[in-house]
Every structure is written in structure tokens, then in C-alpha cells.
Amino acid sequence: MKAETLPLFLLSLSMMYEKWGDVSNRIKVKEKGGFGWNKADGKREKTRGNHIGRERESLLLFSLLAATLPFKRILRLRDISKLDHPLPAPTIIYDQNGRVASKISASKMEAVSIERIPNHFLEAIVATEDRRFYDHEGIDYFGILRALVHNMKALEWAEGGSTITQQLAKNVFLTNEKTLHRKWEEWFIAKKIERTYSKKEILEMYVNRVYFGEGAWGIKKAAETYFGKDVSELTVSESALLAGLIKAPSALSPVSHYEKAIARRNVVLQLMKEQGYMDAQTFLRAKKGGLWLISVRKAGSSSS
């Protein structure tokens, strides 16, 4: 069975629960001596056993078919055309000297081409949010299993299993509602996104739509909000800090929780080092390097 049909297979099995229960109850009757065991009944019981076996096989075959047949149809019904619509560009107002005086935007997001984004920022995102991003097809089953094991050991929900593609699906099309239906929708939309766009396109859409805290949606506004610079100028240390904010933008904001933000940045740098995105020297330089922040709430600046 293909990995993509496994959840559908499991859903089909759950839908057949009552029928399986009926078969199970009939088996229990046999175990409790509900059927006779004389010579004539023995023959009858053997026939019943064969019937139950055939019924099990039929149910399993039905579940497999139910898991496989509707998959492509379900994907076709998912509309992801919203991703084809470019984020609206702001209206730029210039002063008499030709310099930018202000920007007026009807959108809370402002897109930037992935070519302008430093590789070390993209690597920080992948290392932190979805280490197998380039290996899976929208759903990381190994990641889900890894998160499950980690959470069981920690006795709390400390790690999620959502991929970058799943997060993009949720951010654009869904809500934060924690229901089984929403997770199913996220699963199907993520699969369709992966079949429609390249990894490069998915990553670009993700970093332009994700929330970094302090009112900053997308990496362009995040770079301006926290560091007062263009996204292309972000350092390794700054990139790691921004990538770390996605997990909990408010709780990890360097504006109000500077020490927590630095600790989270160091975790991101460690992940990048472990996954081969930087060597030991680059890691130490980035970890020891200071961060100059623009105050978001009032004029002025602060340094680490």
C-alpha cells in the first residue's frame, strides 16, 4: 500500500468498526460455548469459522479499495488556487527628493522573492520546522512517529509533526481548530500543494505567509520589524532568531522576552549544525555574535 493511502485505509477500517464488532461478538459466543460441540455441530462450527474468515477477508479488501479509489478524486476537489494569487504590493509614496516617504498596504503581508532571501535563513527554517522537507511529499510519517515518541517520553505535547507544507495549508486555507476534520483537510490540501508546486515555490510561499510576532507577517516585514533591514542583509544569527520565533511568536519575542529568544536562537543554530548546514566555527561565531534590535513599541534601539 502506498504511504499516502494509509490514513484513508485506517479511516475505512474505523468506518467498518461496527461490522468488525459483530464478527468479533460471534467469535466470543463460540469461545463461551454458545455453539454445540457434538459431531454434527462440529461440522456446522467449521462452516461458520470459514464464513467468518471469508467475511474478514472481504472487509479487509473493501477497506483497501475504499482507501485507494477516492484519493485522486478527493485531491481534485480541493481548491488551492488562492496560492496562485500574488500578495498585493504596497503603494509607495515618495518625497520631493525621490526618496521613499511611506508605504500603504491593504495587506498584512508583503511578498519577497526567494532569490532575495539568504540561504542560511531558508536552511534555518528547514532545520527547525521540517528537517525532511526535501524528502517527503507533504506528510512526514517518520516525523509524526518521531514526535509521538518524543512526546511520550516528555509526558507532554512538546513536539509537533506538521511539515512546512501542512503549516502552509493551515495558514492559508484553514483555522487553528483542533478537530479531526481539520486535520484531514490539512492532509489533503498539503498533498495537493506538493503535487502542484515545487519545493522551492512551497518554501517561498511559506516564509512570505508565516507569522513572526509583533505584527510581522512574512520574512520581509520580520526583517524590517526586528532589525530595520532588508531581508537580503540578514546574518546567520538574525536568521536563526527569526526562524525560532515561528514556534511561539509572542512567548519568544526578543522585544519582550529577550533571553528566551536568544536561548531559542541557540537551539536553532545547534539544529543547523547537527544537520550539516554549518561547521563548528560558523556555529560559535553566530552564537557569540550580538543582535541589534529595533524597538517595536517605541523609538530607539537596543543591543545585546
C-alpha atoms as a PDB file:
ATOM      1  CA  MET A   1       0.000   0.000   0.000  1.00  0.00           C
ATOM      2  CA  LYS A   2       1.268   3.490  -0.812  1.00  0.00           C
ATOM      3  CA  ALA A   3       2.046   5.653   2.204  1.00  0.00           C
ATOM      4  CA  GLU A   4      -0.402   8.304   1.004  1.00  0.00           C
ATOM      5  CA  THR A   5      -3.322   5.860   1.226  1.00  0.00           C
ATOM      6  CA  LEU A   6      -2.518   4.650   4.739  1.00  0.00           C
ATOM      7  CA  PRO A   7      -4.632   7.262   6.581  1.00  0.00           C
ATOM      8  CA  LEU A   8      -7.540   6.553   4.226  1.00  0.00           C
ATOM      9  CA  PHE A   9      -7.130   2.859   4.922  1.00  0.00           C
ATOM     10  CA  LEU A  10      -7.237   3.497   8.666  1.00  0.00           C
ATOM     11  CA  LEU A  11     -10.296   5.695   8.248  1.00  0.00           C
ATOM     12  CA  SER A  12     -12.009   2.972   6.258  1.00  0.00           C
ATOM     13  CA  LEU A  13     -11.266   0.471   8.998  1.00  0.00           C
ATOM     14  CA  SER A  14     -12.758   2.761  11.612  1.00  0.00           C
ATOM     15  CA  MET A  15     -15.886   3.182   9.480  1.00  0.00           C
ATOM     16  CA  MET A  16     -16.236  -0.593   9.441  1.00  0.00           C
ATOM     17  CA  TYR A  17     -15.902  -0.814  13.226  1.00  0.00           C
ATOM     18  CA  GLU A  18     -19.471  -1.908  13.873  1.00  0.00           C
ATOM     19  CA  LYS A  19     -19.269  -4.698  11.312  1.00  0.00           C
ATOM     20  CA  TRP A  20     -15.999  -5.926  12.756  1.00  0.00           C
ATOM     21  CA  GLY A  21     -17.595  -5.777  16.197  1.00  0.00           C
ATOM     22  CA  ASP A  22     -20.396  -8.015  15.044  1.00  0.00           C
ATOM     23  CA  VAL A  23     -17.914 -10.581  13.736  1.00  0.00           C
ATOM     24  CA  SER A  24     -15.934 -10.335  16.978  1.00  0.00           C
ATOM     25  CA  ASN A  25     -19.041 -10.927  19.083  1.00  0.00           C
ATOM     26  CA  ARG A  26     -19.843 -14.055  17.114  1.00  0.00           C
ATOM     27  CA  ILE A  27     -16.369 -15.366  17.790  1.00  0.00           C
ATOM     28  CA  LYS A  28     -16.810 -14.647  21.508  1.00  0.00           C
ATOM     29  CA  VAL A  29     -20.046 -16.669  21.508  1.00  0.00           C
ATOM     30  CA  LYS A  30     -18.076 -19.588  20.192  1.00  0.00           C
ATOM     31  CA  GLU A  31     -15.388 -19.176  22.888  1.00  0.00           C
ATOM     32  CA  LYS A  32     -18.015 -19.136  25.622  1.00  0.00           C
ATOM     33  CA  GLY A  33     -19.501 -22.403  24.425  1.00  0.00           C
ATOM     34  CA  GLY A  34     -22.535 -20.873  22.787  1.00  0.00           C
ATOM     35  CA  PHE A  35     -22.315 -23.384  19.945  1.00  0.00           C
ATOM     36  CA  GLY A  36     -22.721 -27.142  20.349  1.00  0.00           C
ATOM     37  CA  TRP A  37     -19.682 -29.382  20.065  1.00  0.00           C
ATOM     38  CA  ASN A  38     -21.198 -32.746  19.107  1.00  0.00           C
ATOM     39  CA  LYS A  39     -20.225 -34.328  15.826  1.00  0.00           C
ATOM     40  CA  ALA A  40     -22.962 -32.627  13.844  1.00  0.00           C
ATOM     41  CA  ASP A  41     -22.354 -29.221  15.461  1.00  0.00           C
ATOM     42  CA  GLY A  42     -18.610 -29.583  14.904  1.00  0.00           C
ATOM     43  CA  LYS A  43     -19.195 -29.648  11.181  1.00  0.00           C
ATOM     44  CA  ARG A  44     -21.521 -26.703  11.471  1.00  0.00           C
ATOM     45  CA  GLU A  45     -18.958 -24.777  13.526  1.00  0.00           C
ATOM     46  CA  LYS A  46     -16.233 -25.395  10.965  1.00  0.00           C
ATOM     47  CA  THR A  47     -18.501 -23.948   8.295  1.00  0.00           C
ATOM     48  CA  ARG A  48     -19.169 -20.910  10.456  1.00  0.00           C
ATOM     49  CA  GLY A  49     -15.458 -20.450  11.044  1.00  0.00           C
ATOM     50  CA  ASN A  50     -14.814 -20.440   7.303  1.00  0.00           C
ATOM     51  CA  HIS A  51     -17.625 -17.949   6.849  1.00  0.00           C
ATOM     52  CA  ILE A  52     -16.130 -15.628   9.463  1.00  0.00           C
ATOM     53  CA  GLY A  53     -12.728 -15.916   7.802  1.00  0.00           C
ATOM     54  CA  ARG A  54     -14.178 -15.018   4.415  1.00  0.00           C
ATOM     55  CA  GLU A  55     -16.025 -12.112   5.994  1.00  0.00           C
ATOM     56  CA  ARG A  56     -12.790 -10.789   7.476  1.00  0.00           C
ATOM     57  CA  GLU A  57     -11.062 -11.023   4.102  1.00  0.00           C
ATOM     58  CA  SER A  58     -13.965  -9.257   2.399  1.00  0.00           C
ATOM     59  CA  LEU A  59     -13.908  -6.443   4.939  1.00  0.00           C
ATOM     60  CA  LEU A  60     -10.149  -6.017   4.549  1.00  0.00           C
ATOM     61  CA  LEU A  61     -10.433  -5.966   0.752  1.00  0.00           C
ATOM     62  CA  PHE A  62     -13.252  -3.424   0.944  1.00  0.00           C
ATOM     63  CA  SER A  63     -11.176  -1.210   3.226  1.00  0.00           C
ATOM     64  CA  LEU A  64      -8.210  -1.354   0.874  1.00  0.00           C
ATOM     65  CA  LEU A  65     -10.387  -0.373  -2.078  1.00  0.00           C
ATOM     66  CA  ALA A  66     -12.044   2.404  -0.085  1.00  0.00           C
ATOM     67  CA  ALA A  67      -8.609   3.720   0.818  1.00  0.00           C
ATOM     68  CA  THR A  68      -7.261   3.727  -2.730  1.00  0.00           C
ATOM     69  CA  LEU A  69     -10.063   4.581  -5.130  1.00  0.00           C
ATOM     70  CA  PRO A  70     -11.263   8.006  -3.887  1.00  0.00           C
ATOM     71  CA  PHE A  71      -7.836   9.510  -3.230  1.00  0.00           C
ATOM     72  CA  LYS A  72      -7.334  11.239  -6.595  1.00  0.00           C
ATOM     73  CA  ARG A  73     -10.948  12.374  -6.684  1.00  0.00           C
ATOM     74  CA  ILE A  74     -10.665  13.916  -3.223  1.00  0.00           C
ATOM     75  CA  LEU A  75      -7.499  15.767  -4.255  1.00  0.00           C
ATOM     76  CA  ARG A  76      -9.184  17.125  -7.385  1.00  0.00           C
ATOM     77  CA  LEU A  77     -11.951  18.629  -5.268  1.00  0.00           C
ATOM     78  CA  ARG A  78      -9.505  20.616  -3.114  1.00  0.00           C
ATOM     79  CA  ASP A  79      -9.180  24.181  -4.427  1.00  0.00           C
ATOM     80  CA  ILE A  80      -5.741  25.685  -3.777  1.00  0.00           C
ATOM     81  CA  SER A  81      -5.926  28.405  -6.451  1.00  0.00           C
ATOM     82  CA  LYS A  82      -5.597  31.033  -3.722  1.00  0.00           C
ATOM     83  CA  LEU A  83      -1.879  30.284  -3.678  1.00  0.00           C
ATOM     84  CA  ASP A  84      -1.625  31.443  -7.298  1.00  0.00           C
ATOM     85  CA  HIS A  85      -2.776  34.933  -6.352  1.00  0.00           C
ATOM     86  CA  PRO A  86       0.249  37.140  -5.626  1.00  0.00           C
ATOM     87  CA  LEU A  87       0.272  39.000  -2.345  1.00  0.00           C
ATOM     88  CA  PRO A  88      -0.725  42.631  -3.022  1.00  0.00           C
ATOM     89  CA  ALA A  89       2.159  45.050  -3.374  1.00  0.00           C
ATOM     90  CA  PRO A  90       2.063  48.179  -1.185  1.00  0.00           C
ATOM     91  CA  THR A  91       1.523  51.675  -2.561  1.00  0.00           C
ATOM     92  CA  ILE A  92       4.808  53.587  -2.220  1.00  0.00           C
ATOM     93  CA  ILE A  93       4.771  57.336  -1.599  1.00  0.00           C
ATOM     94  CA  TYR A  94       7.941  59.288  -2.441  1.00  0.00           C
ATOM     95  CA  ASP A  95       9.051  62.691  -1.141  1.00  0.00           C
ATOM     96  CA  GLN A  96      10.163  65.606  -3.325  1.00  0.00           C
ATOM     97  CA  ASN A  97      13.709  64.214  -3.409  1.00  0.00           C
ATOM     98  CA  GLY A  98      12.605  60.889  -4.799  1.00  0.00           C
ATOM     99  CA  ARG A  99      13.077  59.025  -1.527  1.00  0.00           C
ATOM    100  CA  VAL A 100      10.502  56.644  -0.038  1.00  0.00           C
ATOM    101  CA  ALA A 101       8.326  58.614   2.357  1.00  0.00           C
ATOM    102  CA  SER A 102       5.875  55.883   3.335  1.00  0.00           C
ATOM    103  CA  LYS A 103       4.207  52.672   2.242  1.00  0.00           C
ATOM    104  CA  ILE A 104       0.495  51.987   2.323  1.00  0.00           C
ATOM    105  CA  SER A 105      -0.554  48.363   2.147  1.00  0.00           C
ATOM    106  CA  ALA A 106      -4.022  46.826   2.242  1.00  0.00           C
ATOM    107  CA  SER A 107      -2.464  43.502   3.181  1.00  0.00           C
ATOM    108  CA  LYS A 108      -0.720  42.477   6.371  1.00  0.00           C
ATOM    109  CA  MET A 109       1.753  40.531   4.222  1.00  0.00           C
ATOM    110  CA  GLU A 110       4.295  41.678   1.674  1.00  0.00           C
ATOM    111  CA  ALA A 111       5.955  39.074  -0.502  1.00  0.00           C
ATOM    112  CA  VAL A 112       9.627  38.862  -1.375  1.00  0.00           C
ATOM    113  CA  SER A 113      11.256  36.649  -3.988  1.00  0.00           C
ATOM    114  CA  ILE A 114      13.121  33.656  -2.636  1.00  0.00           C
ATOM    115  CA  GLU A 115      16.176  34.785  -4.608  1.00  0.00           C
ATOM    116  CA  ARG A 116      16.483  37.751  -2.224  1.00  0.00           C
ATOM    117  CA  ILE A 117      16.332  35.584   0.884  1.00  0.00           C
ATOM    118  CA  PRO A 118      19.695  34.363   2.258  1.00  0.00           C
ATOM    119  CA  ASN A 119      20.252  30.618   2.064  1.00  0.00           C
ATOM    120  CA  HIS A 120      21.145  30.488   5.752  1.00  0.00           C
ATOM    121  CA  PHE A 121      17.658  31.746   6.634  1.00  0.00           C
ATOM    122  CA  LEU A 122      15.983  29.097   4.460  1.00  0.00           C
ATOM    123  CA  GLU A 123      18.271  26.460   5.990  1.00  0.00           C
ATOM    124  CA  ALA A 124      17.322  27.637   9.476  1.00  0.00           C
ATOM    125  CA  ILE A 125      13.627  27.264   8.595  1.00  0.00           C
ATOM    126  CA  VAL A 126      14.047  23.749   7.211  1.00  0.00           C
ATOM    127  CA  ALA A 127      16.318  22.605  10.064  1.00  0.00           C
ATOM    128  CA  THR A 128      13.838  23.849  12.668  1.00  0.00           C
ATOM    129  CA  GLU A 129      10.400  23.312  11.160  1.00  0.00           C
ATOM    130  CA  ASP A 130      10.772  20.350   8.789  1.00  0.00           C
ATOM    131  CA  ARG A 131      14.138  18.596   8.588  1.00  0.00           C
ATOM    132  CA  ARG A 132      12.884  16.122   5.962  1.00  0.00           C
ATOM    133  CA  PHE A 133      11.243  18.807   3.820  1.00  0.00           C
ATOM    134  CA  TYR A 134      13.116  17.785   0.674  1.00  0.00           C
ATOM    135  CA  ASP A 135      12.474  14.064   1.220  1.00  0.00           C
ATOM    136  CA  HIS A 136       8.736  13.761   1.874  1.00  0.00           C
ATOM    137  CA  GLU A 137       5.695  14.535  -0.271  1.00  0.00           C
ATOM    138  CA  GLY A 138       3.835  16.828   2.089  1.00  0.00           C
ATOM    139  CA  ILE A 139       3.368  14.452   5.020  1.00  0.00           C
ATOM    140  CA  ASP A 140       6.352  13.269   7.057  1.00  0.00           C
ATOM    141  CA  TYR A 141       5.271   9.940   8.542  1.00  0.00           C
ATOM    142  CA  PHE A 142       8.695   9.455  10.129  1.00  0.00           C
ATOM    143  CA  GLY A 143       8.401  12.919  11.665  1.00  0.00           C
ATOM    144  CA  ILE A 144       4.989  12.088  13.104  1.00  0.00           C
ATOM    145  CA  LEU A 145       6.378   8.915  14.660  1.00  0.00           C
ATOM    146  CA  ARG A 146       9.435  10.762  15.991  1.00  0.00           C
ATOM    147  CA  ALA A 147       7.232  13.467  17.538  1.00  0.00           C
ATOM    148  CA  LEU A 148       4.956  10.836  19.079  1.00  0.00           C
ATOM    149  CA  VAL A 149       7.881   9.038  20.721  1.00  0.00           C
ATOM    150  CA  HIS A 150       9.365  12.323  21.935  1.00  0.00           C
ATOM    151  CA  ASN A 151       6.047  13.473  23.412  1.00  0.00           C
ATOM    152  CA  MET A 152       5.534  10.142  25.176  1.00  0.00           C
ATOM    153  CA  LYS A 153       8.966  10.415  26.753  1.00  0.00           C
ATOM    154  CA  ALA A 154       8.382  14.021  27.771  1.00  0.00           C
ATOM    155  CA  LEU A 155       4.853  13.213  29.031  1.00  0.00           C
ATOM    156  CA  GLU A 156       3.593  16.344  27.266  1.00  0.00           C
ATOM    157  CA  TRP A 157       2.895  17.702  23.779  1.00  0.00           C
ATOM    158  CA  ALA A 158       6.388  19.121  23.304  1.00  0.00           C
ATOM    159  CA  GLU A 159       6.863  18.472  19.583  1.00  0.00           C
ATOM    160  CA  GLY A 160       4.534  18.558  16.598  1.00  0.00           C
ATOM    161  CA  GLY A 161       4.684  16.523  13.434  1.00  0.00           C
ATOM    162  CA  SER A 162       3.373  19.059  10.902  1.00  0.00           C
ATOM    163  CA  THR A 163       5.504  19.707   7.838  1.00  0.00           C
ATOM    164  CA  ILE A 164       6.146  23.084   6.231  1.00  0.00           C
ATOM    165  CA  THR A 165       3.578  22.152   3.574  1.00  0.00           C
ATOM    166  CA  GLN A 166       0.976  21.301   6.215  1.00  0.00           C
ATOM    167  CA  GLN A 167       1.650  24.575   8.004  1.00  0.00           C
ATOM    168  CA  LEU A 168       1.220  26.455   4.723  1.00  0.00           C
ATOM    169  CA  ALA A 169      -2.080  24.659   4.124  1.00  0.00           C
ATOM    170  CA  LYS A 170      -3.307  25.606   7.586  1.00  0.00           C
ATOM    171  CA  ASN A 171      -2.112  29.224   7.397  1.00  0.00           C
ATOM    172  CA  VAL A 172      -3.787  29.900   4.040  1.00  0.00           C
ATOM    173  CA  PHE A 173      -6.885  27.709   3.972  1.00  0.00           C
ATOM    174  CA  LEU A 174      -7.766  26.549   7.495  1.00  0.00           C
ATOM    175  CA  THR A 175      -8.055  27.646  11.110  1.00  0.00           C
ATOM    176  CA  ASN A 176      -6.297  26.589  14.305  1.00  0.00           C
ATOM    177  CA  GLU A 177      -9.318  24.497  15.274  1.00  0.00           C
ATOM    178  CA  LYS A 178      -8.102  21.197  16.714  1.00  0.00           C
ATOM    179  CA  THR A 179     -10.530  18.720  15.189  1.00  0.00           C
ATOM    180  CA  LEU A 180     -10.144  15.514  13.210  1.00  0.00           C
ATOM    181  CA  HIS A 181     -11.924  17.069  10.231  1.00  0.00           C
ATOM    182  CA  ARG A 182      -9.499  19.991  10.119  1.00  0.00           C
ATOM    183  CA  LYS A 183      -6.516  17.623  10.246  1.00  0.00           C
ATOM    184  CA  TRP A 184      -7.962  15.595   7.362  1.00  0.00           C
ATOM    185  CA  GLU A 185      -8.440  18.768   5.305  1.00  0.00           C
ATOM    186  CA  GLU A 186      -4.893  19.835   6.103  1.00  0.00           C
ATOM    187  CA  TRP A 187      -3.607  16.418   4.999  1.00  0.00           C
ATOM    188  CA  PHE A 188      -5.418  16.506   1.643  1.00  0.00           C
ATOM    189  CA  ILE A 189      -4.539  20.137   0.898  1.00  0.00           C
ATOM    190  CA  ALA A 190      -0.876  19.510   1.738  1.00  0.00           C
ATOM    191  CA  LYS A 191      -0.790  16.551  -0.640  1.00  0.00           C
ATOM    192  CA  LYS A 192      -2.314  18.636  -3.430  1.00  0.00           C
ATOM    193  CA  ILE A 193       0.118  21.517  -2.800  1.00  0.00           C
ATOM    194  CA  GLU A 194       3.045  19.102  -3.138  1.00  0.00           C
ATOM    195  CA  ARG A 195       1.651  17.747  -6.417  1.00  0.00           C
ATOM    196  CA  THR A 196       1.113  21.247  -7.808  1.00  0.00           C
ATOM    197  CA  TYR A 197       4.175  23.253  -6.756  1.00  0.00           C
ATOM    198  CA  SER A 198       7.924  22.687  -6.484  1.00  0.00           C
ATOM    199  CA  LYS A 199       9.714  22.605  -3.140  1.00  0.00           C
ATOM    200  CA  LYS A 200      11.233  25.996  -3.921  1.00  0.00           C
ATOM    201  CA  GLU A 201       7.799  27.502  -4.576  1.00  0.00           C
ATOM    202  CA  ILE A 202       6.353  25.962  -1.410  1.00  0.00           C
ATOM    203  CA  LEU A 203       9.189  27.308   0.718  1.00  0.00           C
ATOM    204  CA  GLU A 204       8.821  30.790  -0.786  1.00  0.00           C
ATOM    205  CA  MET A 205       5.073  30.844  -0.140  1.00  0.00           C
ATOM    206  CA  TYR A 206       5.610  29.619   3.406  1.00  0.00           C
ATOM    207  CA  VAL A 207       8.175  32.221   4.508  1.00  0.00           C
ATOM    208  CA  ASN A 208       6.062  35.004   2.975  1.00  0.00           C
ATOM    209  CA  ARG A 209       2.917  33.973   4.875  1.00  0.00           C
ATOM    210  CA  VAL A 210       4.102  32.743   8.269  1.00  0.00           C
ATOM    211  CA  TYR A 211       3.775  34.901  11.406  1.00  0.00           C
ATOM    212  CA  PHE A 212       6.902  36.083  13.238  1.00  0.00           C
ATOM    213  CA  GLY A 213       5.260  38.071  16.028  1.00  0.00           C
ATOM    214  CA  GLU A 214       4.962  41.813  16.761  1.00  0.00           C
ATOM    215  CA  GLY A 215       2.570  42.198  13.835  1.00  0.00           C
ATOM    216  CA  ALA A 216       5.121  40.926  11.300  1.00  0.00           C
ATOM    217  CA  TRP A 217       3.675  38.574   8.698  1.00  0.00           C
ATOM    218  CA  GLY A 218       6.256  37.198   6.292  1.00  0.00           C
ATOM    219  CA  ILE A 219      10.033  37.334   6.355  1.00  0.00           C
ATOM    220  CA  LYS A 220      10.257  40.763   4.678  1.00  0.00           C
ATOM    221  CA  LYS A 221       8.320  42.514   7.417  1.00  0.00           C
ATOM    222  CA  ALA A 222      10.016  40.443  10.104  1.00  0.00           C
ATOM    223  CA  ALA A 223      13.470  41.623   8.991  1.00  0.00           C
ATOM    224  CA  GLU A 224      12.269  45.229   8.964  1.00  0.00           C
ATOM    225  CA  THR A 225      10.369  44.972  12.258  1.00  0.00           C
ATOM    226  CA  TYR A 226      13.105  43.419  14.358  1.00  0.00           C
ATOM    227  CA  PHE A 227      16.323  44.556  12.670  1.00  0.00           C
ATOM    228  CA  GLY A 228      15.369  47.504  10.464  1.00  0.00           C
ATOM    229  CA  LYS A 229      16.999  45.993   7.418  1.00  0.00           C
ATOM    230  CA  ASP A 230      16.217  44.339   4.107  1.00  0.00           C
ATOM    231  CA  VAL A 231      15.757  40.592   4.218  1.00  0.00           C
ATOM    232  CA  SER A 232      18.784  40.103   1.952  1.00  0.00           C
ATOM    233  CA  GLU A 233      21.019  41.569   4.682  1.00  0.00           C
ATOM    234  CA  LEU A 234      20.073  39.129   7.460  1.00  0.00           C
ATOM    235  CA  THR A 235      23.031  37.496   9.215  1.00  0.00           C
ATOM    236  CA  VAL A 236      23.186  33.853  10.299  1.00  0.00           C
ATOM    237  CA  SER A 237      22.450  34.825  13.899  1.00  0.00           C
ATOM    238  CA  GLU A 238      19.493  37.029  12.928  1.00  0.00           C
ATOM    239  CA  SER A 239      18.126  34.340  10.621  1.00  0.00           C
ATOM    240  CA  ALA A 240      18.277  31.740  13.372  1.00  0.00           C
ATOM    241  CA  LEU A 241      16.461  34.056  15.775  1.00  0.00           C
ATOM    242  CA  LEU A 242      13.649  34.730  13.294  1.00  0.00           C
ATOM    243  CA  ALA A 243      13.301  31.048  12.414  1.00  0.00           C
ATOM    244  CA  GLY A 244      12.999  30.260  16.107  1.00  0.00           C
ATOM    245  CA  LEU A 245      10.090  32.669  16.581  1.00  0.00           C
ATOM    246  CA  ILE A 246       7.662  30.620  14.468  1.00  0.00           C
ATOM    247  CA  LYS A 247       7.131  28.088  17.257  1.00  0.00           C
ATOM    248  CA  ALA A 248       5.730  30.685  19.661  1.00  0.00           C
ATOM    249  CA  PRO A 249       5.958  34.266  18.315  1.00  0.00           C
ATOM    250  CA  SER A 250       4.635  36.010  21.417  1.00  0.00           C
ATOM    251  CA  ALA A 251       6.363  33.909  24.072  1.00  0.00           C
ATOM    252  CA  LEU A 252       9.725  34.052  22.275  1.00  0.00           C
ATOM    253  CA  SER A 253       9.659  37.657  21.070  1.00  0.00           C
ATOM    254  CA  PRO A 254      13.074  39.312  21.607  1.00  0.00           C
ATOM    255  CA  VAL A 255      11.245  42.580  22.306  1.00  0.00           C
ATOM    256  CA  SER A 256       9.576  41.308  25.476  1.00  0.00           C
ATOM    257  CA  HIS A 257      11.452  38.047  26.182  1.00  0.00           C
ATOM    258  CA  TYR A 258      14.997  38.677  25.046  1.00  0.00           C
ATOM    259  CA  GLU A 259      16.702  35.885  26.991  1.00  0.00           C
ATOM    260  CA  LYS A 260      14.167  33.304  25.838  1.00  0.00           C
ATOM    261  CA  ALA A 261      14.602  34.471  22.245  1.00  0.00           C
ATOM    262  CA  ILE A 262      18.388  34.094  22.482  1.00  0.00           C
ATOM    263  CA  ALA A 263      18.042  30.622  24.004  1.00  0.00           C
ATOM    264  CA  ARG A 264      15.705  29.628  21.188  1.00  0.00           C
ATOM    265  CA  ARG A 265      18.104  31.086  18.611  1.00  0.00           C
ATOM    266  CA  ASN A 266      20.867  28.902  20.029  1.00  0.00           C
ATOM    267  CA  VAL A 267      18.649  25.838  19.681  1.00  0.00           C
ATOM    268  CA  VAL A 268      18.118  26.687  16.003  1.00  0.00           C
ATOM    269  CA  LEU A 269      21.854  27.159  15.471  1.00  0.00           C
ATOM    270  CA  GLN A 270      22.508  23.790  17.093  1.00  0.00           C
ATOM    271  CA  LEU A 271      19.965  22.121  14.806  1.00  0.00           C
ATOM    272  CA  MET A 272      21.606  23.713  11.770  1.00  0.00           C
ATOM    273  CA  LYS A 273      24.999  22.461  12.901  1.00  0.00           C
ATOM    274  CA  GLU A 274      23.699  18.930  13.582  1.00  0.00           C
ATOM    275  CA  GLN A 275      22.057  18.756  10.156  1.00  0.00           C
ATOM    276  CA  GLY A 276      25.182  19.900   8.330  1.00  0.00           C
ATOM    277  CA  TYR A 277      24.165  23.421   7.379  1.00  0.00           C
ATOM    278  CA  MET A 278      27.152  24.985   9.150  1.00  0.00           C
ATOM    279  CA  ASP A 279      30.505  23.980  10.595  1.00  0.00           C
ATOM    280  CA  ALA A 280      31.622  24.361  14.207  1.00  0.00           C
ATOM    281  CA  GLN A 281      33.358  27.709  13.643  1.00  0.00           C
ATOM    282  CA  THR A 282      30.327  29.294  11.997  1.00  0.00           C
ATOM    283  CA  PHE A 283      28.175  27.954  14.813  1.00  0.00           C
ATOM    284  CA  LEU A 284      30.365  29.520  17.515  1.00  0.00           C
ATOM    285  CA  ARG A 285      30.587  32.866  15.720  1.00  0.00           C
ATOM    286  CA  ALA A 286      26.828  33.061  15.287  1.00  0.00           C
ATOM    287  CA  LYS A 287      26.189  32.018  18.875  1.00  0.00           C
ATOM    288  CA  LYS A 288      28.581  34.596  20.318  1.00  0.00           C
ATOM    289  CA  GLY A 289      27.543  37.373  17.947  1.00  0.00           C
ATOM    290  CA  GLY A 290      25.414  40.221  19.266  1.00  0.00           C
ATOM    291  CA  LEU A 291      21.990  41.230  17.969  1.00  0.00           C
ATOM    292  CA  TRP A 292      20.934  44.825  17.369  1.00  0.00           C
ATOM    293  CA  LEU A 293      17.184  45.141  17.665  1.00  0.00           C
ATOM    294  CA  ILE A 294      14.877  47.978  16.713  1.00  0.00           C
ATOM    295  CA  SER A 295      12.390  48.724  19.461  1.00  0.00           C
ATOM    296  CA  VAL A 296       8.987  47.763  18.064  1.00  0.00           C
ATOM    297  CA  ARG A 297       6.867  49.695  20.515  1.00  0.00           C
ATOM    298  CA  LYS A 298       8.785  52.945  20.783  1.00  0.00           C
ATOM    299  CA  ALA A 299      11.540  54.833  19.020  1.00  0.00           C
ATOM    300  CA  GLY A 300      15.085  53.869  19.828  1.00  0.00           C
ATOM    301  CA  SER A 301      17.232  50.760  19.693  1.00  0.00           C
ATOM    302  CA  SER A 302      18.717  48.141  21.970  1.00  0.00           C
ATOM    303  CA  SER A 303      21.687  45.862  21.716  1.00  0.00           C
ATOM    304  CA  SER A 304      22.608  42.556  23.213  1.00  0.00           C
END
